[in-house]
PDB file of N, CA and C in Angstrom:
ATOM      1  N   MET A   1      41.659  32.811  77.826  1.00  0.00           N
ATOM      2  CA  MET A   1      43.008  32.535  78.278  1.00  0.00           C
ATOM      3  C   MET A   1      43.055  31.155  78.898  1.00  0.00           C
ATOM      4  N   SER A   2      44.235  30.693  79.185  1.00  0.00           N
ATOM      5  CA  SER A   2      44.363  29.370  79.777  1.00  0.00           C
ATOM      6  C   SER A   2      44.303  29.467  81.295  1.00  0.00           C
ATOM      7  N   ASP A   3      44.383  28.323  81.946  1.00  0.00           N
ATOM      8  CA  ASP A   3      44.257  28.336  83.404  1.00  0.00           C
ATOM      9  C   ASP A   3      45.419  29.056  84.061  1.00  0.00           C
ATOM     10  N   HIS A   4      45.228  29.436  85.308  1.00  0.00           N
ATOM     11  CA  HIS A   4      46.218  30.255  86.015  1.00  0.00           C
ATOM     12  C   HIS A   4      47.387  29.450  86.560  1.00  0.00           C
ATOM     13  N   THR A   5      47.396  28.139  86.404  1.00  0.00           N
ATOM     14  CA  THR A   5      48.494  27.331  86.916  1.00  0.00           C
ATOM     15  C   THR A   5      49.576  27.116  85.873  1.00  0.00           C
ATOM     16  N   ALA A   6      49.341  27.524  84.645  1.00  0.00           N
ATOM     17  CA  ALA A   6      50.322  27.319  83.586  1.00  0.00           C
ATOM     18  C   ALA A   6      51.546  28.197  83.826  1.00  0.00           C
ATOM     19  N   ALA A   7      52.692  27.706  83.365  1.00  0.00           N
ATOM     20  CA  ALA A   7      53.942  28.446  83.525  1.00  0.00           C
ATOM     21  C   ALA A   7      53.897  29.721  82.689  1.00  0.00           C
ATOM     22  N   PRO A   8      54.504  30.795  83.186  1.00  0.00           N
ATOM     23  CA  PRO A   8      54.523  32.031  82.417  1.00  0.00           C
ATOM     24  C   PRO A   8      55.274  31.839  81.103  1.00  0.00           C
ATOM     25  N   ALA A   9      54.906  32.625  80.114  1.00  0.00           N
ATOM     26  CA  ALA A   9      55.611  32.597  78.838  1.00  0.00           C
ATOM     27  C   ALA A   9      57.000  33.202  79.037  1.00  0.00           C
ATOM     28  N   PRO A  10      57.972  32.795  78.198  1.00  0.00           N
ATOM     29  CA  PRO A  10      59.293  33.433  78.287  1.00  0.00           C
ATOM     30  C   PRO A  10      59.134  34.955  78.180  1.00  0.00           C
ATOM     31  N   THR A  11      59.823  35.681  79.020  1.00  0.00           N
ATOM     32  CA  THR A  11      59.626  37.125  79.150  1.00  0.00           C
ATOM     33  C   THR A  11      59.776  37.882  77.842  1.00  0.00           C
ATOM     34  N   ALA A  12      60.861  37.662  77.114  1.00  0.00           N
ATOM     35  CA  ALA A  12      61.081  38.409  75.874  1.00  0.00           C
ATOM     36  C   ALA A  12      59.981  38.122  74.862  1.00  0.00           C
ATOM     37  N   LEU A  13      59.601  36.864  74.729  1.00  0.00           N
ATOM     38  CA  LEU A  13      58.539  36.511  73.787  1.00  0.00           C
ATOM     39  C   LEU A  13      57.209  37.112  74.231  1.00  0.00           C
ATOM     40  N   ALA A  14      56.923  37.051  75.505  1.00  0.00           N
ATOM     41  CA  ALA A  14      55.677  37.631  76.018  1.00  0.00           C
ATOM     42  C   ALA A  14      55.618  39.125  75.721  1.00  0.00           C
ATOM     43  N   GLU A  15      56.744  39.802  75.824  1.00  0.00           N
ATOM     44  CA  GLU A  15      56.778  41.237  75.539  1.00  0.00           C
ATOM     45  C   GLU A  15      56.524  41.520  74.061  1.00  0.00           C
ATOM     46  N   VAL A  16      57.076  40.690  73.178  1.00  0.00           N
ATOM     47  CA  VAL A  16      56.838  40.852  71.741  1.00  0.00           C
ATOM     48  C   VAL A  16      55.353  40.635  71.443  1.00  0.00           C
ATOM     49  N   ILE A  17      54.788  39.571  71.985  1.00  0.00           N
ATOM     50  CA  ILE A  17      53.370  39.273  71.765  1.00  0.00           C
ATOM     51  C   ILE A  17      52.503  40.390  72.330  1.00  0.00           C
ATOM     52  N   SER A  18      52.865  40.899  73.483  1.00  0.00           N
ATOM     53  CA  SER A  18      52.107  41.975  74.117  1.00  0.00           C
ATOM     54  C   SER A  18      52.078  43.225  73.245  1.00  0.00           C
ATOM     55  N   ARG A  19      53.211  43.562  72.651  1.00  0.00           N
ATOM     56  CA  ARG A  19      53.271  44.744  71.778  1.00  0.00           C
ATOM     57  C   ARG A  19      52.332  44.599  70.581  1.00  0.00           C
ATOM     58  N   VAL A  20      52.215  43.395  70.053  1.00  0.00           N
ATOM     59  CA  VAL A  20      51.381  43.163  68.871  1.00  0.00           C
ATOM     60  C   VAL A  20      49.903  43.051  69.226  1.00  0.00           C
ATOM     61  N   THR A  21      49.606  42.426  70.364  1.00  0.00           N
ATOM     62  CA  THR A  21      48.213  42.105  70.699  1.00  0.00           C
ATOM     63  C   THR A  21      47.584  43.017  71.748  1.00  0.00           C
ATOM     64  N   ASP A  22      48.384  43.809  72.437  1.00  0.00           N
ATOM     65  CA  ASP A  22      47.915  44.649  73.551  1.00  0.00           C
ATOM     66  C   ASP A  22      47.433  43.838  74.747  1.00  0.00           C
ATOM     67  N   VAL A  23      47.781  42.565  74.805  1.00  0.00           N
ATOM     68  CA  VAL A  23      47.499  41.731  75.980  1.00  0.00           C
ATOM     69  C   VAL A  23      48.702  41.867  76.904  1.00  0.00           C
ATOM     70  N   PRO A  24      48.515  42.197  78.181  1.00  0.00           N
ATOM     71  CA  PRO A  24      49.655  42.339  79.092  1.00  0.00           C
ATOM     72  C   PRO A  24      50.526  41.075  79.113  1.00  0.00           C
ATOM     73  N   ALA A  25      51.831  41.276  79.041  1.00  0.00           N
ATOM     74  CA  ALA A  25      52.768  40.154  79.002  1.00  0.00           C
ATOM     75  C   ALA A  25      52.583  39.213  80.185  1.00  0.00           C
ATOM     76  N   GLY A  26      52.260  39.752  81.341  1.00  0.00           N
ATOM     77  CA  GLY A  26      52.086  38.935  82.537  1.00  0.00           C
ATOM     78  C   GLY A  26      50.897  37.992  82.474  1.00  0.00           C
ATOM     79  N   GLN A  27      49.996  38.215  81.537  1.00  0.00           N
ATOM     80  CA  GLN A  27      48.834  37.341  81.390  1.00  0.00           C
ATOM     81  C   GLN A  27      49.095  36.182  80.434  1.00  0.00           C
ATOM     82  N   LEU A  28      50.235  36.187  79.763  1.00  0.00           N
ATOM     83  CA  LEU A  28      50.543  35.155  78.778  1.00  0.00           C
ATOM     84  C   LEU A  28      51.277  33.991  79.426  1.00  0.00           C
ATOM     85  N   THR A  29      50.853  32.786  79.094  1.00  0.00           N
ATOM     86  CA  THR A  29      51.541  31.573  79.538  1.00  0.00           C
ATOM     87  C   THR A  29      51.875  30.748  78.309  1.00  0.00           C
ATOM     88  N   GLY A  30      52.630  29.704  78.501  1.00  0.00           N
ATOM     89  CA  GLY A  30      52.937  28.806  77.396  1.00  0.00           C
ATOM     90  C   GLY A  30      51.700  28.166  76.806  1.00  0.00           C
ATOM     91  N   ASP A  31      50.658  28.041  77.599  1.00  0.00           N
ATOM     92  CA  ASP A  31      49.410  27.421  77.139  1.00  0.00           C
ATOM     93  C   ASP A  31      48.426  28.408  76.523  1.00  0.00           C
ATOM     94  N   THR A  32      48.751  29.691  76.539  1.00  0.00           N
ATOM     95  CA  THR A  32      47.839  30.684  75.974  1.00  0.00           C
ATOM     96  C   THR A  32      47.684  30.442  74.479  1.00  0.00           C
ATOM     97  N   ARG A  33      46.439  30.320  74.051  1.00  0.00           N
ATOM     98  CA  ARG A  33      46.137  30.120  72.633  1.00  0.00           C
ATOM     99  C   ARG A  33      46.019  31.483  71.955  1.00  0.00           C
ATOM    100  N   PHE A  34      46.570  31.570  70.753  1.00  0.00           N
ATOM    101  CA  PHE A  34      46.496  32.837  70.025  1.00  0.00           C
ATOM    102  C   PHE A  34      45.056  33.225  69.727  1.00  0.00           C
ATOM    103  N   ASP A  35      44.212  32.256  69.421  1.00  0.00           N
ATOM    104  CA  ASP A  35      42.820  32.580  69.103  1.00  0.00           C
ATOM    105  C   ASP A  35      42.031  33.052  70.323  1.00  0.00           C
ATOM    106  N   ALA A  36      42.634  32.983  71.502  1.00  0.00           N
ATOM    107  CA  ALA A  36      41.985  33.468  72.726  1.00  0.00           C
ATOM    108  C   ALA A  36      42.432  34.887  73.087  1.00  0.00           C
ATOM    109  N   LEU A  37      43.270  35.481  72.257  1.00  0.00           N
ATOM    110  CA  LEU A  37      43.821  36.793  72.575  1.00  0.00           C
ATOM    111  C   LEU A  37      42.904  37.941  72.174  1.00  0.00           C
ATOM    112  N   GLY A  38      41.809  37.667  71.521  1.00  0.00           N
ATOM    113  CA  GLY A  38      40.909  38.731  71.086  1.00  0.00           C
ATOM    114  C   GLY A  38      41.423  39.390  69.823  1.00  0.00           C
ATOM    115  N   HIS A  39      40.542  39.642  68.898  1.00  0.00           N
ATOM    116  CA  HIS A  39      40.900  40.279  67.632  1.00  0.00           C
ATOM    117  C   HIS A  39      42.024  39.537  66.910  1.00  0.00           C
ATOM    118  N   TRP A  40      42.102  38.218  67.094  1.00  0.00           N
ATOM    119  CA  TRP A  40      43.146  37.437  66.427  1.00  0.00           C
ATOM    120  C   TRP A  40      42.647  37.049  65.044  1.00  0.00           C
ATOM    121  N   ASN A  41      43.400  37.430  64.035  1.00  0.00           N
ATOM    122  CA  ASN A  41      43.062  37.098  62.655  1.00  0.00           C
ATOM    123  C   ASN A  41      44.358  36.950  61.870  1.00  0.00           C
ATOM    124  N   SER A  42      44.251  36.740  60.572  1.00  0.00           N
ATOM    125  CA  SER A  42      45.455  36.506  59.773  1.00  0.00           C
ATOM    126  C   SER A  42      46.376  37.727  59.771  1.00  0.00           C
ATOM    127  N   PHE A  43      45.815  38.915  59.815  1.00  0.00           N
ATOM    128  CA  PHE A  43      46.643  40.122  59.850  1.00  0.00           C
ATOM    129  C   PHE A  43      47.448  40.183  61.147  1.00  0.00           C
ATOM    130  N   ALA A  44      46.802  39.900  62.265  1.00  0.00           N
ATOM    131  CA  ALA A  44      47.502  39.885  63.556  1.00  0.00           C
ATOM    132  C   ALA A  44      48.580  38.804  63.561  1.00  0.00           C
ATOM    133  N   ALA A  45      48.278  37.656  62.978  1.00  0.00           N
ATOM    134  CA  ALA A  45      49.257  36.566  62.924  1.00  0.00           C
ATOM    135  C   ALA A  45      50.492  36.986  62.131  1.00  0.00           C
ATOM    136  N   LEU A  46      50.291  37.666  61.018  1.00  0.00           N
ATOM    137  CA  LEU A  46      51.429  38.114  60.213  1.00  0.00           C
ATOM    138  C   LEU A  46      52.204  39.231  60.906  1.00  0.00           C
ATOM    139  N   ARG A  47      51.503  40.107  61.608  1.00  0.00           N
ATOM    140  CA  ARG A  47      52.203  41.147  62.381  1.00  0.00           C
ATOM    141  C   ARG A  47      53.085  40.512  63.449  1.00  0.00           C
ATOM    142  N   LEU A  48      52.563  39.479  64.125  1.00  0.00           N
ATOM    143  CA  LEU A  48      53.358  38.812  65.152  1.00  0.00           C
ATOM    144  C   LEU A  48      54.538  38.081  64.528  1.00  0.00           C
ATOM    145  N   LEU A  49      54.324  37.414  63.409  1.00  0.00           N
ATOM    146  CA  LEU A  49      55.422  36.721  62.731  1.00  0.00           C
ATOM    147  C   LEU A  49      56.544  37.700  62.409  1.00  0.00           C
ATOM    148  N   THR A  50      56.198  38.837  61.844  1.00  0.00           N
ATOM    149  CA  THR A  50      57.200  39.848  61.504  1.00  0.00           C
ATOM    150  C   THR A  50      57.930  40.341  62.750  1.00  0.00           C
ATOM    151  N   ALA A  51      57.191  40.605  63.811  1.00  0.00           N
ATOM    152  CA  ALA A  51      57.804  41.091  65.054  1.00  0.00           C
ATOM    153  C   ALA A  51      58.749  40.054  65.649  1.00  0.00           C
ATOM    154  N   VAL A  52      58.345  38.792  65.638  1.00  0.00           N
ATOM    155  CA  VAL A  52      59.185  37.715  66.184  1.00  0.00           C
ATOM    156  C   VAL A  52      60.450  37.560  65.349  1.00  0.00           C
ATOM    157  N   GLU A  53      60.299  37.539  64.028  1.00  0.00           N
ATOM    158  CA  GLU A  53      61.473  37.378  63.169  1.00  0.00           C
ATOM    159  C   GLU A  53      62.451  38.534  63.341  1.00  0.00           C
ATOM    160  N   GLU A  54      61.945  39.741  63.453  1.00  0.00           N
ATOM    161  CA  GLU A  54      62.823  40.899  63.647  1.00  0.00           C
ATOM    162  C   GLU A  54      63.488  40.863  65.018  1.00  0.00           C
ATOM    163  N   HIS A  55      62.729  40.542  66.053  1.00  0.00           N
ATOM    164  CA  HIS A  55      63.269  40.538  67.412  1.00  0.00           C
ATOM    165  C   HIS A  55      64.357  39.483  67.587  1.00  0.00           C
ATOM    166  N   TYR A  56      64.125  38.288  67.063  1.00  0.00           N
ATOM    167  CA  TYR A  56      65.060  37.181  67.270  1.00  0.00           C
ATOM    168  C   TYR A  56      66.067  37.015  66.135  1.00  0.00           C
ATOM    169  N   GLY A  57      65.928  37.755  65.053  1.00  0.00           N
ATOM    170  CA  GLY A  57      66.854  37.637  63.932  1.00  0.00           C
ATOM    171  C   GLY A  57      66.773  36.278  63.261  1.00  0.00           C
ATOM    172  N   ILE A  58      65.561  35.755  63.120  1.00  0.00           N
ATOM    173  CA  ILE A  58      65.353  34.432  62.532  1.00  0.00           C
ATOM    174  C   ILE A  58      64.314  34.529  61.424  1.00  0.00           C
ATOM    175  N   LYS A  59      64.181  33.453  60.674  1.00  0.00           N
ATOM    176  CA  LYS A  59      63.141  33.324  59.658  1.00  0.00           C
ATOM    177  C   LYS A  59      62.394  32.038  59.958  1.00  0.00           C
ATOM    178  N   LEU A  60      61.086  32.139  60.195  1.00  0.00           N
ATOM    179  CA  LEU A  60      60.267  30.968  60.486  1.00  0.00           C
ATOM    180  C   LEU A  60      59.509  30.546  59.237  1.00  0.00           C
ATOM    181  N   ASP A  61      59.296  29.242  59.099  1.00  0.00           N
ATOM    182  CA  ASP A  61      58.497  28.715  58.008  1.00  0.00           C
ATOM    183  C   ASP A  61      57.045  29.164  58.212  1.00  0.00           C
ATOM    184  N   LEU A  62      56.466  29.795  57.206  1.00  0.00           N
ATOM    185  CA  LEU A  62      55.129  30.369  57.339  1.00  0.00           C
ATOM    186  C   LEU A  62      54.078  29.311  57.663  1.00  0.00           C
ATOM    187  N   ARG A  63      54.088  28.203  56.962  1.00  0.00           N
ATOM    188  CA  ARG A  63      53.086  27.157  57.218  1.00  0.00           C
ATOM    189  C   ARG A  63      53.205  26.597  58.628  1.00  0.00           C
ATOM    190  N   THR A  64      54.424  26.349  59.055  1.00  0.00           N
ATOM    191  CA  THR A  64      54.626  25.825  60.406  1.00  0.00           C
ATOM    192  C   THR A  64      54.164  26.847  61.437  1.00  0.00           C
ATOM    193  N   TYR A  65      54.530  28.096  61.226  1.00  0.00           N
ATOM    194  CA  TYR A  65      54.119  29.163  62.142  1.00  0.00           C
ATOM    195  C   TYR A  65      52.597  29.263  62.225  1.00  0.00           C
ATOM    196  N   LEU A  66      51.935  29.279  61.084  1.00  0.00           N
ATOM    197  CA  LEU A  66      50.475  29.418  61.077  1.00  0.00           C
ATOM    198  C   LEU A  66      49.777  28.221  61.715  1.00  0.00           C
ATOM    199  N   GLY A  67      50.449  27.089  61.775  1.00  0.00           N
ATOM    200  CA  GLY A  67      49.892  25.913  62.434  1.00  0.00           C
ATOM    201  C   GLY A  67      50.121  25.895  63.935  1.00  0.00           C
ATOM    202  N   THR A  68      50.873  26.866  64.426  1.00  0.00           N
ATOM    203  CA  THR A  68      51.177  26.946  65.853  1.00  0.00           C
ATOM    204  C   THR A  68      50.022  27.632  66.576  1.00  0.00           C
ATOM    205  N   GLU A  69      49.495  26.983  67.602  1.00  0.00           N
ATOM    206  CA  GLU A  69      48.295  27.493  68.264  1.00  0.00           C
ATOM    207  C   GLU A  69      48.544  28.174  69.600  1.00  0.00           C
ATOM    208  N   THR A  70      49.721  27.946  70.207  1.00  0.00           N
ATOM    209  CA  THR A  70      49.963  28.478  71.548  1.00  0.00           C
ATOM    210  C   THR A  70      51.273  29.253  71.622  1.00  0.00           C
ATOM    211  N   VAL A  71      51.379  30.043  72.671  1.00  0.00           N
ATOM    212  CA  VAL A  71      52.611  30.783  72.935  1.00  0.00           C
ATOM    213  C   VAL A  71      53.772  29.804  73.132  1.00  0.00           C
ATOM    214  N   GLY A  72      53.531  28.719  73.853  1.00  0.00           N
ATOM    215  CA  GLY A  72      54.572  27.714  74.064  1.00  0.00           C
ATOM    216  C   GLY A  72      55.017  27.068  72.764  1.00  0.00           C
ATOM    217  N   GLY A  73      54.067  26.826  71.868  1.00  0.00           N
ATOM    218  CA  GLY A  73      54.414  26.275  70.563  1.00  0.00           C
ATOM    219  C   GLY A  73      55.300  27.223  69.781  1.00  0.00           C
ATOM    220  N   LEU A  74      54.990  28.513  69.855  1.00  0.00           N
ATOM    221  CA  LEU A  74      55.813  29.513  69.181  1.00  0.00           C
ATOM    222  C   LEU A  74      57.199  29.571  69.807  1.00  0.00           C
ATOM    223  N   ALA A  75      57.276  29.492  71.119  1.00  0.00           N
ATOM    224  CA  ALA A  75      58.584  29.480  71.793  1.00  0.00           C
ATOM    225  C   ALA A  75      59.413  28.294  71.305  1.00  0.00           C
ATOM    226  N   GLY A  76      58.774  27.148  71.112  1.00  0.00           N
ATOM    227  CA  GLY A  76      59.471  25.972  70.597  1.00  0.00           C
ATOM    228  C   GLY A  76      59.987  26.188  69.189  1.00  0.00           C
ATOM    229  N   LEU A  77      59.193  26.833  68.339  1.00  0.00           N
ATOM    230  CA  LEU A  77      59.638  27.128  66.976  1.00  0.00           C
ATOM    231  C   LEU A  77      60.844  28.057  66.994  1.00  0.00           C
ATOM    232  N   ILE A  78      60.782  29.057  67.845  1.00  0.00           N
ATOM    233  CA  ILE A  78      61.894  30.007  67.943  1.00  0.00           C
ATOM    234  C   ILE A  78      63.156  29.286  68.407  1.00  0.00           C
ATOM    235  N   GLY A  79      63.014  28.426  69.410  1.00  0.00           N
ATOM    236  CA  GLY A  79      64.163  27.688  69.925  1.00  0.00           C
ATOM    237  C   GLY A  79      64.771  26.740  68.914  1.00  0.00           C
ATOM    238  N   ALA A  80      63.948  26.241  67.984  1.00  0.00           N
ATOM    239  CA  ALA A  80      64.427  25.288  66.984  1.00  0.00           C
ATOM    240  C   ALA A  80      64.919  25.969  65.712  1.00  0.00           C
ATOM    241  N   ALA A  81      64.704  27.267  65.590  1.00  0.00           N
ATOM    242  CA  ALA A  81      65.085  27.983  64.374  1.00  0.00           C
ATOM    243  C   ALA A  81      66.601  28.087  64.267  1.00  0.00           C
ATOM    244  N   PRO A  82      67.134  27.833  63.081  1.00  0.00           N
ATOM    245  CA  PRO A  82      68.583  27.960  62.908  1.00  0.00           C
ATOM    246  C   PRO A  82      69.024  29.420  62.963  1.00  0.00           C
ATOM    247  N   GLY A  83      70.173  29.644  63.578  1.00  0.00           N
ATOM    248  CA  GLY A  83      70.752  30.984  63.638  1.00  0.00           C
ATOM    249  C   GLY A  83      69.949  31.926  64.502  1.00  0.00           C
ATOM    250  N   GLY A  84      70.180  33.185  64.296  1.00  0.00           N
ATOM    251  CA  GLY A  84      69.418  34.183  65.032  1.00  0.00           C
ATOM    252  C   GLY A  84      69.951  34.410  66.425  1.00  0.00           C
ATOM    253  N   GLN A  85      69.377  35.384  67.058  1.00  0.00           N
ATOM    254  CA  GLN A  85      69.775  35.751  68.411  1.00  0.00           C
ATOM    255  C   GLN A  85      68.691  35.320  69.369  1.00  0.00           C
ATOM    256  N   ARG A  86      69.049  34.618  70.403  1.00  0.00           N
ATOM    257  CA  ARG A  86      68.081  34.195  71.414  1.00  0.00           C
ATOM    258  C   ARG A  86      68.042  35.252  72.505  1.00  0.00           C
ATOM    259  N   ARG A  87      66.984  36.029  72.547  1.00  0.00           N
ATOM    260  CA  ARG A  87      66.853  37.088  73.553  1.00  0.00           C
ATOM    261  C   ARG A  87      65.767  36.741  74.512  1.00  0.00           C
TER     262      ARG A  87
END
């Protein structure tokens, strides 16, 4: 995980990530790297992509998503996605 001084991840996104990874939402920050979440692989990445797209009502570019390494990076992709619901 990243250092303890990093800002917490956005609550809704942290909850989505927590459901997919079983990492408590309160432990996630914007600097948390996906590869540090344990058992992170391509299957987990696709499960998270599906959960994020369903939760926010958006469609993310697969290549861009797979190149995203942190929770904060994913939050940025979600914020930049056209349409959808921001929860």
